[in-house]
PDB file of N, CA and C in Angstrom:
ATOM      1  N   MET A   1      46.467 113.996  44.503  1.00  0.00           N
ATOM      2  CA  MET A   1      46.129 112.999  45.434  1.00  0.00           C
ATOM      3  C   MET A   1      45.811 111.675  44.800  1.00  0.00           C
ATOM      4  N   SER A   2      45.149 111.654  43.881  1.00  0.00           N
ATOM      5  CA  SER A   2      44.645 110.540  43.049  1.00  0.00           C
ATOM      6  C   SER A   2      45.480 110.242  41.896  1.00  0.00           C
ATOM      7  N   ASP A   3      45.669 108.987  41.646  1.00  0.00           N
ATOM      8  CA  ASP A   3      46.454 108.540  40.469  1.00  0.00           C
ATOM      9  C   ASP A   3      45.429 108.557  39.229  1.00  0.00           C
ATOM     10  N   MET A   4      44.316 108.715  39.393  1.00  0.00           N
ATOM     11  CA  MET A   4      43.321 108.710  38.293  1.00  0.00           C
ATOM     12  C   MET A   4      43.307 110.105  37.491  1.00  0.00           C
ATOM     13  N   PRO A   5      43.429 109.820  36.194  1.00  0.00           N
ATOM     14  CA  PRO A   5      43.539 111.138  35.542  1.00  0.00           C
ATOM     15  C   PRO A   5      41.978 111.854  35.436  1.00  0.00           C
ATOM     16  N   ASP A   6      41.853 113.214  35.267  1.00  0.00           N
ATOM     17  CA  ASP A   6      40.720 113.710  35.286  1.00  0.00           C
ATOM     18  C   ASP A   6      39.724 113.163  34.300  1.00  0.00           C
ATOM     19  N   ALA A   7      38.359 113.296  34.730  1.00  0.00           N
ATOM     20  CA  ALA A   7      37.468 112.771  34.057  1.00  0.00           C
ATOM     21  C   ALA A   7      36.951 113.384  32.636  1.00  0.00           C
ATOM     22  N   GLY A   8      37.807 114.165  32.085  1.00  0.00           N
ATOM     23  CA  GLY A   8      37.597 114.894  30.861  1.00  0.00           C
ATOM     24  C   GLY A   8      37.391 113.906  29.674  1.00  0.00           C
ATOM     25  N   PRO A   9      37.231 114.436  28.562  1.00  0.00           N
ATOM     26  CA  PRO A   9      37.058 113.669  27.332  1.00  0.00           C
ATOM     27  C   PRO A   9      38.417 112.815  26.893  1.00  0.00           C
ATOM     28  N   LEU A  10      38.320 111.803  26.434  1.00  0.00           N
ATOM     29  CA  LEU A  10      39.335 110.948  26.030  1.00  0.00           C
ATOM     30  C   LEU A  10      40.172 111.335  24.938  1.00  0.00           C
ATOM     31  N   SER A  11      41.367 111.258  24.957  1.00  0.00           N
ATOM     32  CA  SER A  11      42.205 111.544  23.630  1.00  0.00           C
ATOM     33  C   SER A  11      42.001 110.511  22.644  1.00  0.00           C
ATOM     34  N   ASP A  12      42.549 110.823  21.307  1.00  0.00           N
ATOM     35  CA  ASP A  12      42.391 109.763  20.303  1.00  0.00           C
ATOM     36  C   ASP A  12      42.987 108.597  20.810  1.00  0.00           C
ATOM     37  N   GLU A  13      44.420 108.840  21.362  1.00  0.00           N
ATOM     38  CA  GLU A  13      45.266 107.494  21.737  1.00  0.00           C
ATOM     39  C   GLU A  13      44.534 106.772  22.903  1.00  0.00           C
ATOM     40  N   GLU A  14      43.916 107.329  23.844  1.00  0.00           N
ATOM     41  CA  GLU A  14      43.238 106.734  24.849  1.00  0.00           C
ATOM     42  C   GLU A  14      41.996 105.964  24.281  1.00  0.00           C
ATOM     43  N   ARG A  15      41.308 106.676  23.358  1.00  0.00           N
ATOM     44  CA  ARG A  15      40.241 106.071  22.858  1.00  0.00           C
ATOM     45  C   ARG A  15      40.675 104.801  21.939  1.00  0.00           C
ATOM     46  N   ALA A  16      41.641 104.841  21.295  1.00  0.00           N
ATOM     47  CA  ALA A  16      42.129 103.680  20.457  1.00  0.00           C
ATOM     48  C   ALA A  16      42.557 102.521  21.460  1.00  0.00           C
ATOM     49  N   GLU A  17      43.126 102.911  22.371  1.00  0.00           N
ATOM     50  CA  GLU A  17      43.490 101.811  23.434  1.00  0.00           C
ATOM     51  C   GLU A  17      42.312 101.163  23.970  1.00  0.00           C
ATOM     52  N   LEU A  18      41.363 101.951  24.353  1.00  0.00           N
ATOM     53  CA  LEU A  18      40.108 101.486  24.942  1.00  0.00           C
ATOM     54  C   LEU A  18      39.349 100.683  23.924  1.00  0.00           C
ATOM     55  N   GLN A  19      39.283 100.929  22.631  1.00  0.00           N
ATOM     56  CA  GLN A  19      38.704 100.111  21.627  1.00  0.00           C
ATOM     57  C   GLN A  19      39.437  98.899  21.616  1.00  0.00           C
ATOM     58  N   ARG A  20      40.824  98.817  21.501  1.00  0.00           N
ATOM     59  CA  ARG A  20      41.644  97.724  21.486  1.00  0.00           C
ATOM     60  C   ARG A  20      41.392  96.891  22.576  1.00  0.00           C
ATOM     61  N   LEU A  21      41.199  97.320  23.950  1.00  0.00           N
ATOM     62  CA  LEU A  21      41.032  96.467  25.015  1.00  0.00           C
ATOM     63  C   LEU A  21      39.661  95.960  24.962  1.00  0.00           C
ATOM     64  N   ARG A  22      38.779  96.689  24.455  1.00  0.00           N
ATOM     65  CA  ARG A  22      37.355  95.930  24.405  1.00  0.00           C
ATOM     66  C   ARG A  22      37.311  94.943  23.369  1.00  0.00           C
ATOM     67  N   ALA A  23      38.053  95.076  22.300  1.00  0.00           N
ATOM     68  CA  ALA A  23      38.147  94.188  21.190  1.00  0.00           C
ATOM     69  C   ALA A  23      38.771  92.865  21.713  1.00  0.00           C
ATOM     70  N   GLU A  24      39.845  93.059  22.508  1.00  0.00           N
ATOM     71  CA  GLU A  24      40.727  91.839  23.035  1.00  0.00           C
ATOM     72  C   GLU A  24      39.777  91.240  24.128  1.00  0.00           C
ATOM     73  N   ARG A  25      38.943  91.914  24.870  1.00  0.00           N
ATOM     74  CA  ARG A  25      38.146  91.177  25.886  1.00  0.00           C
ATOM     75  C   ARG A  25      36.915  90.474  25.087  1.00  0.00           C
ATOM     76  N   ALA A  26      36.473  91.052  24.005  1.00  0.00           N
ATOM     77  CA  ALA A  26      35.384  90.404  23.358  1.00  0.00           C
ATOM     78  C   ALA A  26      35.970  89.025  22.688  1.00  0.00           C
ATOM     79  N   ARG A  27      37.374  89.047  22.156  1.00  0.00           N
ATOM     80  CA  ARG A  27      37.862  87.952  21.525  1.00  0.00           C
ATOM     81  C   ARG A  27      38.027  86.742  22.737  1.00  0.00           C
ATOM     82  N   ARG A  28      38.451  87.155  23.961  1.00  0.00           N
ATOM     83  CA  ARG A  28      38.595  86.281  25.018  1.00  0.00           C
ATOM     84  C   ARG A  28      37.360  85.569  25.316  1.00  0.00           C
ATOM     85  N   LEU A  29      36.281  86.494  25.531  1.00  0.00           N
ATOM     86  CA  LEU A  29      34.843  85.960  25.796  1.00  0.00           C
ATOM     87  C   LEU A  29      34.458  85.164  24.653  1.00  0.00           C
ATOM     88  N   ASP A  30      34.566  85.347  23.429  1.00  0.00           N
ATOM     89  CA  ASP A  30      34.200  84.541  22.351  1.00  0.00           C
ATOM     90  C   ASP A  30      34.776  83.135  22.321  1.00  0.00           C
ATOM     91  N   ALA A  31      36.149  83.202  22.706  1.00  0.00           N
ATOM     92  CA  ALA A  31      36.935  81.962  22.563  1.00  0.00           C
ATOM     93  C   ALA A  31      36.446  81.129  23.889  1.00  0.00           C
ATOM     94  N   GLU A  32      36.263  81.715  25.079  1.00  0.00           N
ATOM     95  CA  GLU A  32      35.772  80.978  26.087  1.00  0.00           C
ATOM     96  C   GLU A  32      34.309  80.324  25.958  1.00  0.00           C
ATOM     97  N   ARG A  33      33.542  81.206  25.270  1.00  0.00           N
ATOM     98  CA  ARG A  33      32.184  80.717  24.965  1.00  0.00           C
ATOM     99  C   ARG A  33      32.337  79.509  23.983  1.00  0.00           C
ATOM    100  N   ALA A  34      33.119  79.585  23.041  1.00  0.00           N
ATOM    101  CA  ALA A  34      33.258  78.473  21.921  1.00  0.00           C
ATOM    102  C   ALA A  34      33.943  77.276  22.616  1.00  0.00           C
ATOM    103  N   ARG A  35      34.809  77.449  23.661  1.00  0.00           N
ATOM    104  CA  ARG A  35      35.497  76.380  24.358  1.00  0.00           C
ATOM    105  C   ARG A  35      34.297  75.657  25.217  1.00  0.00           C
ATOM    106  N   LYS A  36      33.428  76.344  25.909  1.00  0.00           N
ATOM    107  CA  LYS A  36      32.446  75.850  26.577  1.00  0.00           C
ATOM    108  C   LYS A  36      31.414  75.090  25.703  1.00  0.00           C
ATOM    109  N   GLU A  37      31.018  75.681  24.568  1.00  0.00           N
ATOM    110  CA  GLU A  37      30.215  74.891  23.673  1.00  0.00           C
ATOM    111  C   GLU A  37      30.918  73.651  23.166  1.00  0.00           C
ATOM    112  N   ARG A  38      32.091  73.552  22.952  1.00  0.00           N
ATOM    113  CA  ARG A  38      32.663  72.299  22.431  1.00  0.00           C
ATOM    114  C   ARG A  38      32.718  71.423  23.487  1.00  0.00           C
ATOM    115  N   LEU A  39      32.894  71.809  24.731  1.00  0.00           N
ATOM    116  CA  LEU A  39      32.969  70.840  25.927  1.00  0.00           C
ATOM    117  C   LEU A  39      31.456  70.290  26.111  1.00  0.00           C
ATOM    118  N   GLU A  40      30.576  71.169  26.142  1.00  0.00           N
ATOM    119  CA  GLU A  40      29.089  70.731  26.074  1.00  0.00           C
ATOM    120  C   GLU A  40      28.879  69.697  24.952  1.00  0.00           C
ATOM    121  N   LEU A  41      29.159  70.007  23.865  1.00  0.00           N
ATOM    122  CA  LEU A  41      28.880  69.077  22.571  1.00  0.00           C
ATOM    123  C   LEU A  41      29.601  67.764  22.919  1.00  0.00           C
ATOM    124  N   GLN A  42      30.831  67.899  23.291  1.00  0.00           N
ATOM    125  CA  GLN A  42      31.661  66.424  23.630  1.00  0.00           C
ATOM    126  C   GLN A  42      30.868  65.773  24.591  1.00  0.00           C
ATOM    127  N   GLN A  43      30.446  66.442  25.675  1.00  0.00           N
ATOM    128  CA  GLN A  43      29.535  65.781  26.865  1.00  0.00           C
ATOM    129  C   GLN A  43      28.149  65.070  26.031  1.00  0.00           C
ATOM    130  N   LEU A  44      27.542  65.892  25.420  1.00  0.00           N
ATOM    131  CA  LEU A  44      26.351  65.341  24.847  1.00  0.00           C
ATOM    132  C   LEU A  44      26.586  64.232  23.899  1.00  0.00           C
ATOM    133  N   LYS A  45      27.810  64.188  23.237  1.00  0.00           N
ATOM    134  CA  LYS A  45      28.024  63.017  22.397  1.00  0.00           C
ATOM    135  C   LYS A  45      28.363  61.865  23.122  1.00  0.00           C
ATOM    136  N   GLU A  46      29.127  61.974  24.313  1.00  0.00           N
ATOM    137  CA  GLU A  46      29.307  60.990  25.166  1.00  0.00           C
ATOM    138  C   GLU A  46      28.120  60.408  25.827  1.00  0.00           C
ATOM    139  N   GLU A  47      27.266  61.268  26.210  1.00  0.00           N
ATOM    140  CA  GLU A  47      25.835  60.855  26.864  1.00  0.00           C
ATOM    141  C   GLU A  47      25.110  60.042  25.927  1.00  0.00           C
ATOM    142  N   ARG A  48      24.928  60.465  24.621  1.00  0.00           N
ATOM    143  CA  ARG A  48      24.292  59.990  23.390  1.00  0.00           C
ATOM    144  C   ARG A  48      24.950  58.410  23.256  1.00  0.00           C
ATOM    145  N   ALA A  49      26.245  58.366  23.283  1.00  0.00           N
ATOM    146  CA  ALA A  49      26.853  57.041  22.897  1.00  0.00           C
ATOM    147  C   ALA A  49      26.630  56.070  24.180  1.00  0.00           C
ATOM    148  N   GLU A  50      26.474  56.636  25.447  1.00  0.00           N
ATOM    149  CA  GLU A  50      26.364  55.870  26.514  1.00  0.00           C
ATOM    150  C   GLU A  50      24.858  55.345  26.423  1.00  0.00           C
ATOM    151  N   ALA A  51      23.978  56.049  26.172  1.00  0.00           N
ATOM    152  CA  ALA A  51      22.537  55.805  26.037  1.00  0.00           C
ATOM    153  C   ALA A  51      22.218  54.682  24.855  1.00  0.00           C
ATOM    154  N   ALA A  52      22.902  54.812  23.804  1.00  0.00           N
ATOM    155  CA  ALA A  52      22.764  53.896  22.730  1.00  0.00           C
ATOM    156  C   ALA A  52      23.346  52.597  23.204  1.00  0.00           C
ATOM    157  N   LYS A  53      24.525  52.521  23.989  1.00  0.00           N
ATOM    158  CA  LYS A  53      25.243  51.174  24.335  1.00  0.00           C
ATOM    159  C   LYS A  53      24.166  50.654  25.496  1.00  0.00           C
ATOM    160  N   ASP A  54      23.491  51.451  26.334  1.00  0.00           N
ATOM    161  CA  ASP A  54      22.617  50.862  27.301  1.00  0.00           C
ATOM    162  C   ASP A  54      21.451  50.314  26.597  1.00  0.00           C
ATOM    163  N   GLU A  55      20.875  50.968  25.572  1.00  0.00           N
ATOM    164  CA  GLU A  55      19.712  50.504  24.767  1.00  0.00           C
ATOM    165  C   GLU A  55      20.118  49.074  24.290  1.00  0.00           C
ATOM    166  N   ARG A  56      21.239  49.046  23.609  1.00  0.00           N
ATOM    167  CA  ARG A  56      21.711  47.671  22.864  1.00  0.00           C
ATOM    168  C   ARG A  56      21.866  46.604  23.947  1.00  0.00           C
ATOM    169  N   ILE A  57      22.248  47.005  25.023  1.00  0.00           N
ATOM    170  CA  ILE A  57      22.211  45.895  26.150  1.00  0.00           C
ATOM    171  C   ILE A  57      20.892  45.503  26.545  1.00  0.00           C
ATOM    172  N   ARG A  58      20.082  46.452  26.783  1.00  0.00           N
ATOM    173  CA  ARG A  58      18.478  46.094  27.382  1.00  0.00           C
ATOM    174  C   ARG A  58      18.107  45.246  26.057  1.00  0.00           C
ATOM    175  N   GLU A  59      18.185  45.687  24.788  1.00  0.00           N
ATOM    176  CA  GLU A  59      17.694  44.953  23.668  1.00  0.00           C
ATOM    177  C   GLU A  59      18.232  43.342  23.789  1.00  0.00           C
ATOM    178  N   LEU A  60      19.553  43.261  23.890  1.00  0.00           N
ATOM    179  CA  LEU A  60      19.988  41.895  23.972  1.00  0.00           C
ATOM    180  C   LEU A  60      19.648  41.177  25.114  1.00  0.00           C
ATOM    181  N   ARG A  61      19.494  41.700  26.393  1.00  0.00           N
ATOM    182  CA  ARG A  61      18.856  40.975  27.403  1.00  0.00           C
ATOM    183  C   ARG A  61      17.385  40.554  27.295  1.00  0.00           C
ATOM    184  N   ARG A  62      16.566  41.455  26.572  1.00  0.00           N
ATOM    185  CA  ARG A  62      15.320  41.306  26.279  1.00  0.00           C
ATOM    186  C   ARG A  62      15.100  39.984  25.353  1.00  0.00           C
ATOM    187  N   ARG A  63      15.924  40.160  24.426  1.00  0.00           N
ATOM    188  CA  ARG A  63      15.963  39.038  23.346  1.00  0.00           C
ATOM    189  C   ARG A  63      16.478  37.723  23.903  1.00  0.00           C
ATOM    190  N   ASN A  64      17.490  37.754  24.756  1.00  0.00           N
ATOM    191  CA  ASN A  64      17.921  36.535  25.396  1.00  0.00           C
ATOM    192  C   ASN A  64      16.978  35.784  26.266  1.00  0.00           C
ATOM    193  N   ALA A  65      16.312  36.853  27.026  1.00  0.00           N
ATOM    194  CA  ALA A  65      15.276  36.362  28.016  1.00  0.00           C
ATOM    195  C   ALA A  65      13.904  35.755  27.208  1.00  0.00           C
ATOM    196  N   ARG A  66      13.697  36.217  25.965  1.00  0.00           N
ATOM    197  CA  ARG A  66      12.683  35.720  25.295  1.00  0.00           C
ATOM    198  C   ARG A  66      13.035  34.233  24.788  1.00  0.00           C
ATOM    199  N   LEU A  67      14.435  34.141  24.372  1.00  0.00           N
ATOM    200  CA  LEU A  67      14.794  32.812  23.926  1.00  0.00           C
ATOM    201  C   LEU A  67      14.514  31.796  24.921  1.00  0.00           C
ATOM    202  N   MET A  68      14.755  32.036  26.095  1.00  0.00           N
ATOM    203  CA  MET A  68      14.717  31.042  27.277  1.00  0.00           C
ATOM    204  C   MET A  68      13.338  30.903  27.955  1.00  0.00           C
ATOM    205  N   GLU A  69      12.282  31.786  27.447  1.00  0.00           N
ATOM    206  CA  GLU A  69      10.978  31.576  27.935  1.00  0.00           C
ATOM    207  C   GLU A  69      10.202  30.824  27.111  1.00  0.00           C
ATOM    208  N   PRO A  70       9.315  29.769  27.714  1.00  0.00           N
ATOM    209  CA  PRO A  70       8.534  28.905  26.865  1.00  0.00           C
ATOM    210  C   PRO A  70       7.483  29.749  26.172  1.00  0.00           C
ATOM    211  N   ASP A  71       7.149  29.307  24.959  1.00  0.00           N
ATOM    212  CA  ASP A  71       6.075  29.866  24.159  1.00  0.00           C
ATOM    213  C   ASP A  71       4.789  29.638  24.835  1.00  0.00           C
ATOM    214  N   ASP A  72       4.505  28.476  25.293  1.00  0.00           N
ATOM    215  CA  ASP A  72       3.298  28.341  25.981  1.00  0.00           C
ATOM    216  C   ASP A  72       3.666  26.920  26.976  1.00  0.00           C
ATOM    217  N   GLU A  73       2.720  26.443  27.632  1.00  0.00           N
ATOM    218  CA  GLU A  73       3.136  25.513  28.743  1.00  0.00           C
ATOM    219  C   GLU A  73       3.532  24.153  28.205  1.00  0.00           C
ATOM    220  N   LEU A  74       2.979  23.681  26.906  1.00  0.00           N
ATOM    221  CA  LEU A  74       3.476  22.507  26.454  1.00  0.00           C
ATOM    222  C   LEU A  74       4.869  22.390  25.637  1.00  0.00           C
ATOM    223  N   ASN A  75       5.366  23.689  25.154  1.00  0.00           N
ATOM    224  CA  ASN A  75       6.484  23.703  24.463  1.00  0.00           C
ATOM    225  C   ASN A  75       7.641  24.161  25.352  1.00  0.00           C
ATOM    226  N   MET A  76       8.952  23.680  24.932  1.00  0.00           N
ATOM    227  CA  MET A  76      10.286  24.063  25.526  1.00  0.00           C
ATOM    228  C   MET A  76      10.557  25.342  24.927  1.00  0.00           C
ATOM    229  N   PRO A  77      11.209  26.166  25.450  1.00  0.00           N
ATOM    230  CA  PRO A  77      11.715  27.440  24.906  1.00  0.00           C
ATOM    231  C   PRO A  77      12.928  26.984  23.773  1.00  0.00           C
ATOM    232  N   LEU A  78      13.105  27.953  23.036  1.00  0.00           N
ATOM    233  CA  LEU A  78      14.011  27.662  21.781  1.00  0.00           C
ATOM    234  C   LEU A  78      15.568  27.463  22.349  1.00  0.00           C
ATOM    235  N   GLY A  79      15.819  28.308  23.398  1.00  0.00           N
ATOM    236  CA  GLY A  79      17.266  28.119  23.899  1.00  0.00           C
ATOM    237  C   GLY A  79      17.422  26.857  24.475  1.00  0.00           C
ATOM    238  N   GLN A  80      16.455  26.389  25.231  1.00  0.00           N
ATOM    239  CA  GLN A  80      16.634  24.966  25.896  1.00  0.00           C
ATOM    240  C   GLN A  80      16.498  23.845  24.689  1.00  0.00           C
ATOM    241  N   LYS A  81      15.664  23.932  23.691  1.00  0.00           N
ATOM    242  CA  LYS A  81      15.932  22.911  22.605  1.00  0.00           C
ATOM    243  C   LYS A  81      17.312  23.020  21.721  1.00  0.00           C
ATOM    244  N   VAL A  82      17.981  24.060  21.675  1.00  0.00           N
ATOM    245  CA  VAL A  82      19.282  24.130  21.218  1.00  0.00           C
ATOM    246  C   VAL A  82      20.218  23.523  22.023  1.00  0.00           C
ATOM    247  N   VAL A  83      20.132  23.724  23.381  1.00  0.00           N
ATOM    248  CA  VAL A  83      21.152  23.141  24.267  1.00  0.00           C
ATOM    249  C   VAL A  83      20.886  21.553  24.380  1.00  0.00           C
ATOM    250  N   LEU A  84      19.688  21.205  24.245  1.00  0.00           N
ATOM    251  CA  LEU A  84      19.436  19.783  24.334  1.00  0.00           C
ATOM    252  C   LEU A  84      20.005  19.151  23.065  1.00  0.00           C
ATOM    253  N   GLY A  85      19.629  19.871  21.976  1.00  0.00           N
ATOM    254  CA  GLY A  85      20.214  19.162  20.654  1.00  0.00           C
ATOM    255  C   GLY A  85      21.600  19.096  20.621  1.00  0.00           C
ATOM    256  N   ALA A  86      22.393  20.096  21.184  1.00  0.00           N
ATOM    257  CA  ALA A  86      23.825  19.994  21.112  1.00  0.00           C
ATOM    258  C   ALA A  86      24.370  18.875  22.082  1.00  0.00           C
ATOM    259  N   ILE A  87      23.753  18.617  23.199  1.00  0.00           N
ATOM    260  CA  ILE A  87      24.018  17.544  24.006  1.00  0.00           C
ATOM    261  C   ILE A  87      23.789  16.323  23.359  1.00  0.00           C
ATOM    262  N   LEU A  88      22.762  16.068  22.742  1.00  0.00           N
ATOM    263  CA  LEU A  88      22.346  15.003  22.018  1.00  0.00           C
ATOM    264  C   LEU A  88      23.403  14.568  20.944  1.00  0.00           C
ATOM    265  N   ILE A  89      23.776  15.646  20.080  1.00  0.00           N
ATOM    266  CA  ILE A  89      25.011  15.355  19.197  1.00  0.00           C
ATOM    267  C   ILE A  89      26.176  15.012  19.669  1.00  0.00           C
ATOM    268  N   VAL A  90      26.619  15.525  20.784  1.00  0.00           N
ATOM    269  CA  VAL A  90      27.838  15.086  21.562  1.00  0.00           C
ATOM    270  C   VAL A  90      27.629  13.681  22.259  1.00  0.00           C
ATOM    271  N   ALA A  91      26.423  13.306  22.639  1.00  0.00           N
ATOM    272  CA  ALA A  91      26.322  12.075  23.074  1.00  0.00           C
ATOM    273  C   ALA A  91      26.347  10.931  21.942  1.00  0.00           C
ATOM    274  N   LEU A  92      25.677  11.351  20.893  1.00  0.00           N
ATOM    275  CA  LEU A  92      25.791  10.278  19.796  1.00  0.00           C
ATOM    276  C   LEU A  92      27.179  10.153  19.110  1.00  0.00           C
ATOM    277  N   ALA A  93      27.828  11.197  19.074  1.00  0.00           N
ATOM    278  CA  ALA A  93      29.393  11.174  18.648  1.00  0.00           C
ATOM    279  C   ALA A  93      30.088  10.378  19.607  1.00  0.00           C
ATOM    280  N   LEU A  94      29.928  10.663  20.869  1.00  0.00           N
ATOM    281  CA  LEU A  94      30.659   9.661  21.852  1.00  0.00           C
ATOM    282  C   LEU A  94      30.339   8.195  21.495  1.00  0.00           C
ATOM    283  N   LEU A  95      29.038   7.869  21.399  1.00  0.00           N
ATOM    284  CA  LEU A  95      28.627   6.530  21.253  1.00  0.00           C
ATOM    285  C   LEU A  95      29.005   5.819  20.040  1.00  0.00           C
ATOM    286  N   LEU A  96      29.221   6.687  18.930  1.00  0.00           N
ATOM    287  CA  LEU A  96      29.790   6.200  17.629  1.00  0.00           C
ATOM    288  C   LEU A  96      31.151   5.891  17.834  1.00  0.00           C
ATOM    289  N   MET A  97      31.929   6.744  18.513  1.00  0.00           N
ATOM    290  CA  MET A  97      33.353   6.500  18.806  1.00  0.00           C
ATOM    291  C   MET A  97      33.515   5.127  19.590  1.00  0.00           C
ATOM    292  N   MET A  98      32.813   5.120  20.534  1.00  0.00           N
ATOM    293  CA  MET A  98      32.972   3.892  21.402  1.00  0.00           C
ATOM    294  C   MET A  98      32.689   2.589  20.666  1.00  0.00           C
ATOM    295  N   LEU A  99      31.542   2.540  19.868  1.00  0.00           N
ATOM    296  CA  LEU A  99      31.278   1.342  18.935  1.00  0.00           C
ATOM    297  C   LEU A  99      32.325   1.011  17.924  1.00  0.00           C
ATOM    298  N   LEU A 100      32.867   2.039  17.370  1.00  0.00           N
ATOM    299  CA  LEU A 100      33.678   1.924  16.194  1.00  0.00           C
ATOM    300  C   LEU A 100      35.113   1.473  16.633  1.00  0.00           C
ATOM    301  N   ASN A 101      35.414   1.827  17.980  1.00  0.00           N
ATOM    302  CA  ASN A 101      36.692   1.435  18.365  1.00  0.00           C
ATOM    303  C   ASN A 101      36.821   0.087  18.903  1.00  0.00           C
ATOM    304  N   HIS A 102      35.698  -0.695  19.039  1.00  0.00           N
ATOM    305  CA  HIS A 102      35.837  -2.029  19.511  1.00  0.00           C
ATOM    306  C   HIS A 102      35.495  -3.021  18.463  1.00  0.00           C
TER     307      HIS A 102
END
């Protein structure tokens, strides 16, 4: 009635096949575990790179904001001094060109 063999002891051939199947299953499980670990490691590396990038951006923003803030109420911020200096140099260059051309 049943397609299952009787539950008696295994023959040497059946025992060898069972061991082979167990070893194959263990290899598949190990390979899957290794694949998942590699995937997790890759994700962690990507997250770490993203966090480092975000930290660099925050540091640049903080540094740029500090350049544009005045040191105290009487002084101009360094960024503003640089911009005004550049405008002054361009204005002097234009003035010299106009004077020397006439």
